[in-house]
Amino acid sequence: MTEPIDNKTELEETNRALREVTLMIEQSQGELAKITQRNAAISAHLQQVQLQKQGATIEELKMAYDSALDVQQRLFVMRGQLEKLQNDKSHLEKYKLILENAVSSASEISVASLPAIGVKSQLTGIEMIVNAQEAERQRLSRQMHDGPAQALSNFILQTEIAMRLLDIDPVQAKDELGNLKTSAMGTFQKVRNFIFELRPMMLDDLGLTPTLKKYADAFKEQAGLEVSVIVTGIERRLEPYLEVMIFRAVQELLGNASRHSQATMVKIMVDLGTDLIRVSVDDNGKGFDPETLRESNNLGLKLIRERAEMLGGNFEIDSAAGSGARIVFTVPAKV
């Protein structure tokens, strides 16, 4: 028999979590206001430097552009964090309302009577999702800074050099413009890759199968891994949330195989059954002990497990040190 939930205790914990989130939102709003003011000041300084090109040195120009890029990056991250906290507050308020109704009814509610899973489990799942989202934002922020942002900074600097050389040494200026074109093409490709990582447009247009194959080809080229995708069953469009969930899971597992397992080959198999979707990702990397997953900080794998189980599926790991890894998860085709 399912043990009843102590609704009053849950309500107290939810209220405490709600107060903490509200305080964090207030702090984030204050920090965001400060960064916004700093961004305005740096933008004004950058405009002054641009107006004084002839009197400014290359180092001064570079410092001004770097400062502008850095503060814009911090502004981007802080806005994302504030949005995340506001979403957390909205979820907690909904759970608080559920618990308040349960307490006022003067009857205990079992875990099975709550939507999908118990409120406590839902809060744990939300915490895991929030932490995983924040880790992903930090990773993307680093990629943005080290990739497109840095490339654009160099691009602007090369433009300034070429402009100054036009009147002094036209031949060298032509060479610099040629380098500038090459740099622009490389930067454009980095931006395209970055956008594809954030949200492949073809996932909405063409569906899961073409997107997975396209992503595998792109990942193979970027990471130097041998990646293959095999799709069986009835190829069709799935519910949008299922397509996103499966794509993000495969994206996470590919990244783990490259970054942590040091694999050279990854095999992705997707079986689009009538009632069940089965996804397996095999790699020939160094492997790991599945028991250590509980103590590790790998939020990605935990989040895949959590999402699969919340949808009524399951999640399995078959791995050992030095023997590669096979990760399999299933979800119902319709939930």
Protein backbone atom coordinates (compact mmCIF):
# COMPACT_ATOMS: atom_id res chain seq x y z
CA MET A 1 0.00 0.00 0.00
CA THR A 2 1.31 3.46 -0.89
CA GLU A 3 2.26 5.54 2.15
CA PRO A 4 0.38 8.86 2.46
CA ILE A 5 2.23 12.11 1.96
CA ASP A 6 2.45 14.53 4.91
CA ASN A 7 0.85 17.44 3.09
CA LYS A 8 1.60 19.99 5.81
CA THR A 9 5.30 19.13 5.76
CA GLU A 10 5.36 19.27 1.99
CA LEU A 11 3.60 22.64 2.10
CA GLU A 12 6.17 24.00 4.56
CA GLU A 13 9.04 22.80 2.35
CA THR A 14 7.39 24.29 -0.73
CA ASN A 15 6.89 27.64 1.03
CA ARG A 16 10.55 27.61 2.09
CA ALA A 17 11.66 26.85 -1.46
CA LEU A 18 9.36 29.58 -2.76
CA ARG A 19 10.85 32.14 -0.36
CA GLU A 20 14.38 31.16 -1.40
CA VAL A 21 13.55 31.45 -5.10
CA THR A 22 11.84 34.83 -4.55
CA LEU A 23 14.95 36.10 -2.74
CA MET A 24 17.20 34.82 -5.54
CA ILE A 25 14.98 36.58 -8.10
CA GLU A 26 15.31 39.87 -6.21
CA GLN A 27 19.10 39.46 -6.03
CA SER A 28 19.29 38.55 -9.72
CA GLN A 29 17.16 41.55 -10.68
CA GLY A 30 19.53 43.82 -8.74
CA GLU A 31 22.57 42.25 -10.38
CA LEU A 32 20.91 42.49 -13.79
CA ALA A 33 20.27 46.20 -13.25
CA LYS A 34 23.94 46.76 -12.39
CA ILE A 35 25.15 44.80 -15.45
CA THR A 36 22.68 46.69 -17.67
CA GLN A 37 24.08 50.02 -16.43
CA ARG A 38 27.63 48.79 -16.97
CA ASN A 39 26.70 47.63 -20.47
CA ALA A 40 25.33 51.09 -21.29
CA ALA A 41 28.51 52.74 -19.98
CA ILE A 42 30.81 50.41 -21.91
CA SER A 43 28.73 50.82 -25.08
CA ALA A 44 29.04 54.60 -24.76
CA HIS A 45 32.81 54.26 -24.26
CA LEU A 46 33.04 51.97 -27.30
CA GLN A 47 31.22 54.55 -29.43
CA GLN A 48 33.68 57.21 -28.30
CA VAL A 49 36.62 54.98 -29.24
CA GLN A 50 35.07 54.28 -32.64
CA LEU A 51 34.66 58.01 -33.27
CA GLN A 52 38.32 58.55 -32.39
CA LYS A 53 39.78 55.80 -34.60
CA GLN A 54 42.68 57.88 -35.79
CA GLY A 55 43.79 58.73 -32.25
CA ALA A 56 43.20 55.30 -30.71
CA THR A 57 45.79 52.54 -30.68
CA ILE A 58 45.03 48.97 -31.72
CA GLU A 59 45.35 47.86 -28.09
CA GLU A 60 42.81 50.46 -26.98
CA LEU A 61 40.41 49.33 -29.68
CA LYS A 62 40.85 45.68 -28.74
CA MET A 63 40.32 46.39 -25.03
CA ALA A 64 37.15 48.35 -25.78
CA TYR A 65 35.71 45.57 -27.96
CA ASP A 66 36.69 42.83 -25.47
CA SER A 67 35.04 44.74 -22.59
CA ALA A 68 31.85 45.17 -24.62
CA LEU A 69 31.73 41.48 -25.54
CA ASP A 70 32.40 40.39 -21.95
CA VAL A 71 29.65 42.52 -20.41
CA GLN A 72 27.18 41.48 -23.14
CA GLN A 73 27.96 37.84 -22.38
CA ARG A 74 27.35 38.40 -18.66
CA LEU A 75 24.10 40.20 -19.51
CA PHE A 76 23.00 37.24 -21.65
CA VAL A 77 23.76 34.72 -18.87
CA MET A 78 22.10 36.80 -16.14
CA ARG A 79 18.92 37.26 -18.19
CA GLY A 80 18.79 33.50 -18.75
CA GLN A 81 19.28 32.85 -15.03
CA LEU A 82 16.52 35.30 -14.11
CA GLU A 83 14.15 33.69 -16.61
CA LYS A 84 14.94 30.27 -15.17
CA LEU A 85 14.28 31.45 -11.59
CA GLN A 86 10.97 33.03 -12.61
CA ASN A 87 9.92 29.72 -14.21
CA ASP A 88 10.89 27.89 -11.01
CA LYS A 89 8.78 30.29 -8.97
CA SER A 90 5.80 29.71 -11.26
CA HIS A 91 6.10 25.91 -10.85
CA LEU A 92 6.45 26.16 -7.08
CA GLU A 93 3.39 28.40 -6.83
CA LYS A 94 1.36 25.79 -8.73
CA TYR A 95 2.56 23.01 -6.39
CA LYS A 96 1.82 25.20 -3.38
CA LEU A 97 -1.76 25.64 -4.60
CA ILE A 98 -2.16 21.86 -4.98
CA LEU A 99 -0.89 21.28 -1.43
CA GLU A 100 -3.01 24.04 0.06
CA ASN A 101 -6.12 22.46 -1.49
CA ALA A 102 -5.04 19.08 -0.13
CA VAL A 103 -4.53 20.42 3.39
CA SER A 104 -7.82 22.33 3.41
CA SER A 105 -9.73 19.22 2.37
CA ALA A 106 -8.70 17.62 5.72
CA SER A 107 -7.83 14.34 4.03
CA GLU A 108 -4.47 12.88 3.10
CA ILE A 109 -3.67 12.33 -0.55
CA SER A 110 -1.63 9.34 -1.62
CA VAL A 111 1.32 9.60 -3.98
CA ALA A 112 -0.60 7.71 -6.64
CA SER A 113 -3.38 10.33 -6.67
CA LEU A 114 -1.03 13.18 -7.59
CA PRO A 115 -0.41 13.98 -11.26
CA ALA A 116 2.06 11.42 -12.65
CA ILE A 117 4.26 11.30 -9.49
CA GLY A 118 4.27 12.73 -5.98
CA VAL A 119 4.86 16.40 -5.33
CA LYS A 120 8.13 15.63 -3.55
CA SER A 121 9.37 13.65 -6.54
CA GLN A 122 8.25 16.46 -8.83
CA LEU A 123 10.23 18.99 -6.82
CA THR A 124 13.29 16.74 -6.96
CA GLY A 125 12.84 16.41 -10.73
CA ILE A 126 12.49 20.17 -11.11
CA GLU A 127 15.67 20.74 -9.10
CA MET A 128 17.54 18.32 -11.35
CA ILE A 129 16.16 19.95 -14.51
CA VAL A 130 17.03 23.43 -13.23
CA ASN A 131 20.59 22.39 -12.36
CA ALA A 132 21.04 20.70 -15.73
CA GLN A 133 19.69 23.76 -17.56
CA GLU A 134 22.07 26.03 -15.66
CA ALA A 135 25.03 23.76 -16.43
CA GLU A 136 24.03 23.79 -20.10
CA ARG A 137 23.77 27.60 -20.11
CA GLN A 138 27.24 27.86 -18.60
CA ARG A 139 28.62 25.48 -21.23
CA LEU A 140 26.98 27.44 -24.05
CA SER A 141 28.19 30.71 -22.54
CA ARG A 142 31.77 29.42 -22.55
CA GLN A 143 31.37 28.17 -26.11
CA MET A 144 29.97 31.55 -27.18
CA HIS A 145 32.87 33.40 -25.57
CA ASP A 146 35.60 31.08 -26.85
CA GLY A 147 34.05 30.67 -30.29
CA PRO A 148 31.93 33.28 -32.12
CA ALA A 149 32.52 36.14 -29.65
CA GLN A 150 36.30 35.80 -29.73
CA ALA A 151 36.26 35.33 -33.49
CA LEU A 152 34.18 38.49 -33.95
CA SER A 153 36.59 40.41 -31.72
CA ASN A 154 39.51 39.33 -33.92
CA PHE A 155 37.43 40.07 -37.01
CA ILE A 156 36.87 43.67 -35.89
CA LEU A 157 40.55 44.08 -35.07
CA GLN A 158 41.58 42.78 -38.51
CA THR A 159 39.17 45.27 -40.09
CA GLU A 160 40.81 48.15 -38.24
CA ILE A 161 44.29 46.98 -39.32
CA ALA A 162 43.22 46.68 -42.96
CA MET A 163 41.65 50.15 -42.93
CA ARG A 164 44.84 51.73 -41.58
CA LEU A 165 46.98 49.93 -44.15
CA LEU A 166 44.93 51.08 -47.15
CA ASP A 167 46.72 54.44 -47.34
CA ILE A 168 50.13 53.13 -46.19
CA ASP A 169 50.62 49.78 -47.93
CA PRO A 170 47.82 48.79 -50.37
CA VAL A 171 49.45 45.42 -51.14
CA GLN A 172 49.54 44.37 -47.49
CA ALA A 173 46.06 45.79 -47.01
CA LYS A 174 44.84 43.50 -49.81
CA ASP A 175 46.41 40.52 -48.05
CA GLU A 176 44.75 41.53 -44.79
CA LEU A 177 41.38 41.78 -46.56
CA GLY A 178 41.91 38.28 -47.94
CA ASN A 179 42.60 37.02 -44.42
CA LEU A 180 39.54 38.94 -43.28
CA LYS A 181 37.33 37.13 -45.80
CA THR A 182 38.66 33.75 -44.65
CA SER A 183 38.08 34.74 -41.03
CA ALA A 184 34.54 35.91 -41.82
CA MET A 185 33.69 32.59 -43.49
CA GLY A 186 35.07 30.66 -40.52
CA THR A 187 33.15 32.82 -38.06
CA PHE A 188 29.94 32.40 -40.04
CA GLN A 189 30.33 28.62 -39.90
CA LYS A 190 30.95 28.76 -36.14
CA VAL A 191 27.78 30.81 -35.67
CA ARG A 192 25.79 28.31 -37.75
CA ASN A 193 27.16 25.43 -35.67
CA PHE A 194 26.33 27.30 -32.49
CA ILE A 195 22.75 27.92 -33.61
CA PHE A 196 22.39 24.26 -34.60
CA GLU A 197 23.56 23.23 -31.11
CA LEU A 198 21.00 25.52 -29.50
CA ARG A 199 18.03 24.45 -31.58
CA PRO A 200 18.15 22.72 -34.98
CA MET A 201 15.41 24.30 -37.08
CA MET A 202 15.05 21.10 -39.08
CA LEU A 203 13.79 19.31 -35.95
CA ASP A 204 10.57 21.31 -36.28
CA ASP A 205 10.47 21.11 -40.08
CA LEU A 206 11.57 17.55 -40.89
CA GLY A 207 11.38 15.64 -37.62
CA LEU A 208 13.63 13.47 -35.48
CA THR A 209 15.24 11.05 -37.95
CA PRO A 210 16.68 13.56 -40.48
CA THR A 211 17.83 15.82 -37.64
CA LEU A 212 19.66 13.01 -35.83
CA LYS A 213 21.44 11.99 -39.03
CA LYS A 214 22.40 15.58 -39.84
CA TYR A 215 23.62 16.17 -36.29
CA ALA A 216 25.64 12.93 -36.34
CA ASP A 217 27.38 14.02 -39.56
CA ALA A 218 28.16 17.46 -38.10
CA PHE A 219 29.40 15.95 -34.84
CA LYS A 220 31.56 13.48 -36.74
CA GLU A 221 33.25 16.34 -38.58
CA GLN A 222 33.74 18.51 -35.51
CA ALA A 223 34.80 15.90 -32.93
CA GLY A 224 36.60 13.47 -35.22
CA LEU A 225 34.46 10.52 -34.09
CA GLU A 226 33.01 7.78 -36.26
CA VAL A 227 29.27 8.18 -35.68
CA SER A 228 26.57 6.05 -37.26
CA VAL A 229 22.79 6.30 -36.97
CA ILE A 230 20.50 3.34 -37.64
CA VAL A 231 16.74 3.85 -37.59
CA THR A 232 14.29 0.95 -37.62
CA GLY A 233 10.54 0.71 -37.32
CA ILE A 234 8.00 3.05 -38.86
CA GLU A 235 9.61 6.40 -39.65
CA ARG A 236 7.12 9.11 -38.79
CA ARG A 237 6.70 12.37 -36.95
CA LEU A 238 6.39 12.00 -33.19
CA GLU A 239 4.88 14.37 -30.67
CA PRO A 240 7.08 17.51 -30.53
CA TYR A 241 8.02 16.98 -26.86
CA LEU A 242 9.16 13.41 -27.63
CA GLU A 243 11.28 14.51 -30.58
CA VAL A 244 12.94 17.20 -28.48
CA MET A 245 13.50 14.86 -25.52
CA ILE A 246 15.08 12.12 -27.68
CA PHE A 247 17.24 14.55 -29.64
CA ARG A 248 18.55 16.25 -26.48
CA ALA A 249 19.27 12.86 -24.92
CA VAL A 250 21.29 11.70 -27.94
CA GLN A 251 23.05 15.07 -28.03
CA GLU A 252 24.06 14.66 -24.37
CA LEU A 253 25.21 11.05 -24.84
CA LEU A 254 27.30 11.96 -27.90
CA GLY A 255 28.93 14.76 -25.94
CA ASN A 256 29.70 12.40 -23.05
CA ALA A 257 31.24 9.86 -25.42
CA SER A 258 33.51 12.53 -26.87
CA ARG A 259 34.39 14.53 -23.74
CA HIS A 260 34.52 11.90 -21.01
CA SER A 261 34.69 8.41 -22.51
CA GLN A 262 37.34 9.34 -25.11
CA ALA A 263 35.57 7.11 -27.62
CA THR A 264 36.53 6.88 -31.28
CA MET A 265 33.30 5.23 -32.46
CA VAL A 266 29.66 5.74 -31.48
CA LYS A 267 26.68 3.77 -32.77
CA ILE A 268 23.17 5.20 -32.36
CA MET A 269 20.15 2.94 -32.87
CA VAL A 270 16.58 4.23 -32.81
CA ASP A 271 13.65 1.84 -33.03
CA LEU A 272 10.39 3.64 -33.79
CA GLY A 273 7.95 1.00 -32.62
CA THR A 274 4.20 1.39 -32.71
CA ASP A 275 3.87 1.60 -28.95
CA LEU A 276 7.45 2.09 -27.73
CA ILE A 277 10.43 4.17 -28.84
CA ARG A 278 13.78 2.55 -28.01
CA VAL A 279 17.08 4.43 -28.26
CA SER A 280 20.51 2.92 -27.64
CA VAL A 281 23.90 4.64 -27.83
CA ASP A 282 27.03 2.44 -27.87
CA ASP A 283 30.59 3.71 -27.67
CA ASN A 284 34.02 2.07 -27.52
CA GLY A 285 35.38 4.47 -24.89
CA LYS A 286 36.97 3.79 -21.52
CA GLY A 287 33.64 3.01 -19.84
CA PHE A 288 32.68 3.54 -16.20
CA ASP A 289 31.09 1.88 -13.20
CA PRO A 290 27.31 2.51 -13.36
CA GLU A 291 27.12 2.51 -9.55
CA THR A 292 29.24 5.67 -9.45
CA LEU A 293 26.49 7.52 -11.35
CA ARG A 294 24.57 8.05 -8.12
CA GLU A 295 27.51 9.88 -6.56
CA SER A 296 28.68 11.71 -9.69
CA ASN A 297 27.82 15.23 -10.85
CA ASN A 298 26.71 14.06 -14.30
CA LEU A 299 23.35 15.80 -14.39
CA GLY A 300 22.89 14.90 -18.05
CA LEU A 301 22.52 11.14 -17.49
CA LYS A 302 20.38 11.67 -14.40
CA LEU A 303 18.12 14.02 -16.32
CA ILE A 304 17.69 11.52 -19.19
CA ARG A 305 16.73 8.84 -16.65
CA GLU A 306 14.34 11.21 -14.89
CA ARG A 307 12.60 12.28 -18.11
CA ALA A 308 12.32 8.74 -19.46
CA GLU A 309 10.81 7.45 -16.22
CA MET A 310 8.44 10.42 -15.91
CA LEU A 311 7.12 9.57 -19.38
CA GLY A 312 6.57 5.94 -18.34
CA GLY A 313 9.72 4.48 -19.91
CA ASN A 314 12.98 3.21 -18.48
CA PHE A 315 16.71 3.86 -18.57
CA GLU A 316 19.56 1.32 -18.47
CA ILE A 317 23.37 1.49 -18.44
CA ASP A 318 25.60 -1.40 -19.45
CA SER A 319 29.21 -0.42 -18.88
CA ALA A 320 32.40 -1.34 -17.09
CA ALA A 321 35.79 0.29 -16.79
CA GLY A 322 37.72 -0.23 -20.03
CA SER A 323 34.81 -1.87 -21.85
CA GLY A 324 32.95 1.02 -23.42
CA ALA A 325 29.33 1.79 -22.62
CA ARG A 326 25.85 1.08 -23.88
CA ILE A 327 23.07 3.38 -22.70
CA VAL A 328 19.49 2.46 -23.54
CA PHE A 329 16.28 4.30 -22.78
CA THR A 330 12.71 3.74 -23.86
CA VAL A 331 9.66 5.98 -23.88
CA PRO A 332 6.06 5.27 -24.91
CA ALA A 333 5.29 6.43 -28.42
CA LYS A 334 2.23 8.16 -27.04
CA VAL A 335 1.93 9.44 -23.48
